[in-house]
């Protein structure tokens, strides 16, 4: 039987994220809470998976950067509201995360872990019942869709800047029977 890394080699391959000057490696192991800097959600809503597009044309799963002393659940809740107008209706289920080894000499924000942090991914049930709040210091989301998983994957795959990362997270969640 194949391992998840063998089934999803691109997701598990070491990578360099140029935009953040990060060396990354995907893992299924949960990191210590104090090393988590970002949370993204494979959000299950009635009809499928929540996907977003911002004013720059980027397509993504909702999520973002943790605020000082913010619990993971609160980061997921806040980011879903800001980017998708969605509310969590259940608990978060661990999917996996990227260990990020930062090449920059200082963290992106002073409260974030450095030089090692984790960008985690969770699965959660949500209800999309309002417009994204789009705070001024965040991404400006112009489109929120709830698509069947295969269509969500196709939507996310159209974005070349993330090298299929977000689509692969949905694929992995499907393979693990989380979607």
Protein backbone atom coordinates (compact mmCIF):
# COMPACT_ATOMS: atom_id res chain seq x y z
CA UNK A 1 0.00 0.00 0.00
CA UNK A 2 1.30 3.44 -0.95
CA UNK A 3 2.04 6.07 1.67
CA UNK A 4 0.42 9.50 1.43
CA UNK A 5 3.79 10.91 0.33
CA UNK A 6 3.94 8.36 -2.50
CA UNK A 7 0.37 9.18 -3.56
CA UNK A 8 0.96 12.94 -3.43
CA UNK A 9 4.65 13.44 -4.29
CA UNK A 10 4.35 17.11 -5.29
CA UNK A 11 2.63 18.03 -2.03
CA UNK A 12 5.21 16.22 0.12
CA UNK A 13 8.28 17.30 -1.91
CA UNK A 14 10.60 19.89 -0.35
CA UNK A 15 9.92 23.29 -1.88
CA UNK A 16 11.13 26.88 -1.82
CA UNK A 17 8.41 29.55 -1.57
CA UNK A 18 10.19 32.48 -3.20
CA UNK A 19 7.60 35.11 -2.18
CA UNK A 20 8.29 34.44 1.52
CA UNK A 21 11.88 33.21 1.25
CA UNK A 22 10.85 29.93 2.89
CA UNK A 23 12.13 26.38 2.54
CA UNK A 24 9.10 24.18 3.13
CA UNK A 25 8.25 20.53 3.71
CA UNK A 26 4.73 19.11 4.08
CA UNK A 27 4.09 16.80 7.01
CA UNK A 28 1.16 14.96 8.56
CA UNK A 29 2.60 15.38 12.06
CA UNK A 30 1.04 18.06 14.23
CA UNK A 31 3.58 20.67 15.38
CA UNK A 32 3.70 22.30 18.80
CA UNK A 33 1.11 25.08 19.06
CA UNK A 34 3.74 27.77 19.62
CA UNK A 35 5.29 27.09 16.18
CA UNK A 36 2.04 27.58 14.21
CA UNK A 37 1.93 30.87 12.31
CA UNK A 38 -0.76 30.29 9.67
CA UNK A 39 -3.98 28.30 9.29
CA UNK A 40 -5.83 27.37 6.09
CA UNK A 41 -9.16 25.59 6.01
CA UNK A 42 -10.61 23.02 3.65
CA UNK A 43 -14.08 24.30 4.44
CA UNK A 44 -16.95 21.87 3.82
CA UNK A 45 -20.20 23.69 3.12
CA UNK A 46 -23.49 22.38 1.79
CA UNK A 47 -22.74 21.76 -1.88
CA UNK A 48 -18.99 21.37 -1.59
CA UNK A 49 -15.76 23.14 -0.73
CA UNK A 50 -15.33 26.90 -0.16
CA UNK A 51 -12.82 28.54 -2.50
CA UNK A 52 -11.91 32.20 -2.88
CA UNK A 53 -10.43 34.60 -5.44
CA UNK A 54 -8.92 37.96 -4.52
CA UNK A 55 -8.60 41.22 -6.44
CA UNK A 56 -5.18 40.11 -7.75
CA UNK A 57 -6.71 36.99 -9.29
CA UNK A 58 -5.22 34.52 -6.79
CA UNK A 59 -7.38 31.48 -6.03
CA UNK A 60 -7.10 29.88 -2.62
CA UNK A 61 -8.62 28.12 0.36
CA UNK A 62 -9.55 30.58 3.12
CA UNK A 63 -6.94 31.10 5.81
CA UNK A 64 -4.16 33.31 6.98
CA UNK A 65 -1.80 34.55 9.64
CA UNK A 66 -2.29 34.05 13.36
CA UNK A 67 -2.64 37.14 15.55
CA UNK A 68 -0.73 37.54 18.87
CA UNK A 69 -1.85 34.97 21.48
CA UNK A 70 -4.68 33.80 19.21
CA UNK A 71 -5.83 30.18 19.58
CA UNK A 72 -5.78 28.13 16.36
CA UNK A 73 -9.57 27.75 16.40
CA UNK A 74 -9.95 31.52 16.59
CA UNK A 75 -7.52 32.06 13.69
CA UNK A 76 -9.56 29.67 11.55
CA UNK A 77 -12.84 31.31 12.64
CA UNK A 78 -11.58 34.85 11.98
CA UNK A 79 -10.00 34.03 8.62
CA UNK A 80 -13.11 32.21 7.38
CA UNK A 81 -15.24 35.24 8.24
CA UNK A 82 -12.77 37.71 6.71
CA UNK A 83 -12.15 35.83 3.48
CA UNK A 84 -15.30 33.78 2.87
CA UNK A 85 -18.12 35.16 5.02
CA UNK A 86 -18.30 31.70 6.59
CA UNK A 87 -18.96 30.42 10.11
CA UNK A 88 -17.52 27.20 11.53
CA UNK A 89 -20.27 24.83 12.68
CA UNK A 90 -18.16 22.02 14.14
CA UNK A 91 -14.67 21.14 15.25
CA UNK A 92 -11.43 21.42 13.29
CA UNK A 93 -9.92 18.22 11.90
CA UNK A 94 -6.17 18.07 11.34
CA UNK A 95 -5.07 17.56 7.72
CA UNK A 96 -1.37 18.44 7.64
CA UNK A 97 1.02 21.35 7.49
CA UNK A 98 4.11 22.83 5.96
CA UNK A 99 7.18 23.29 8.09
CA UNK A 100 8.65 26.61 6.99
CA UNK A 101 12.33 27.34 7.51
CA UNK A 102 12.72 31.08 7.08
CA UNK A 103 15.70 32.51 5.22
CA UNK A 104 14.90 36.06 6.25
CA UNK A 105 16.70 37.25 9.40
CA UNK A 106 13.50 38.40 11.16
CA UNK A 107 9.91 37.16 11.30
CA UNK A 108 7.18 38.61 9.05
CA UNK A 109 5.53 39.93 12.22
CA UNK A 110 7.26 40.20 15.60
CA UNK A 111 4.87 37.78 17.35
CA UNK A 112 5.34 34.95 14.83
CA UNK A 113 7.69 32.01 15.39
CA UNK A 114 11.08 32.30 13.70
CA UNK A 115 13.24 30.84 12.13
CA UNK A 116 10.92 27.78 12.04
CA UNK A 117 7.15 27.99 11.79
CA UNK A 118 4.29 25.86 10.51
CA UNK A 119 1.50 26.69 8.08
CA UNK A 120 -1.20 24.22 9.02
CA UNK A 121 -4.26 22.95 7.18
CA UNK A 122 -7.47 21.78 8.80
CA UNK A 123 -10.87 20.59 7.62
CA UNK A 124 -14.06 22.08 9.06
CA UNK A 125 -17.79 22.22 8.40
CA UNK A 126 -18.99 25.75 7.68
CA UNK A 127 -21.98 27.80 6.65
CA UNK A 128 -21.42 30.63 4.19
CA UNK A 129 -24.05 33.21 5.14
CA UNK A 130 -22.58 36.66 4.55
CA UNK A 131 -20.09 38.63 2.50
CA UNK A 132 -16.39 38.44 3.43
CA UNK A 133 -15.46 41.22 5.87
CA UNK A 134 -12.32 42.07 3.83
CA UNK A 135 -10.42 44.04 6.51
CA UNK A 136 -8.22 46.80 5.04
CA UNK A 137 -4.97 45.04 6.06
CA UNK A 138 -6.01 41.70 4.52
CA UNK A 139 -6.60 40.20 1.12
CA UNK A 140 -9.48 41.75 -0.77
CA UNK A 141 -11.68 38.81 -1.69
CA UNK A 142 -13.89 39.43 -4.73
CA UNK A 143 -15.33 35.95 -5.21
CA UNK A 144 -16.40 33.16 -2.85
CA UNK A 145 -17.68 29.93 -4.34
CA UNK A 146 -18.92 26.66 -2.90
CA UNK A 147 -18.03 24.01 -5.46
CA UNK A 148 -18.19 20.22 -5.55
CA UNK A 149 -14.73 18.90 -4.58
CA UNK A 150 -13.63 18.06 -8.15
CA UNK A 151 -14.72 21.50 -9.39
CA UNK A 152 -13.00 23.16 -6.41
CA UNK A 153 -9.81 21.33 -7.40
CA UNK A 154 -10.15 22.51 -11.02
CA UNK A 155 -10.79 26.10 -9.82
CA UNK A 156 -7.71 26.03 -7.58
CA UNK A 157 -5.57 24.35 -10.26
CA UNK A 158 -6.22 27.30 -12.59
CA UNK A 159 -4.01 29.42 -10.31
CA UNK A 160 -0.40 28.85 -11.34
CA UNK A 161 1.24 30.84 -8.53
CA UNK A 162 0.63 28.18 -5.86
CA UNK A 163 1.95 25.25 -7.92
CA UNK A 164 -1.17 23.19 -7.26
CA UNK A 165 -0.68 23.30 -3.49
CA UNK A 166 -4.23 24.28 -2.55
CA UNK A 167 -5.76 21.82 -5.01
CA UNK A 168 -3.51 19.06 -3.64
CA UNK A 169 -4.76 19.80 -0.12
CA UNK A 170 -8.33 19.18 -1.30
CA UNK A 171 -7.18 16.01 -3.11
CA UNK A 172 -5.50 14.77 0.08
CA UNK A 173 -8.59 15.56 2.17
CA UNK A 174 -10.69 13.59 -0.32
CA UNK A 175 -8.29 10.64 -0.26
CA UNK A 176 -8.41 10.64 3.56
CA UNK A 177 -12.23 10.63 3.43
CA UNK A 178 -12.38 14.03 5.12
CA UNK A 179 -14.31 15.54 2.21
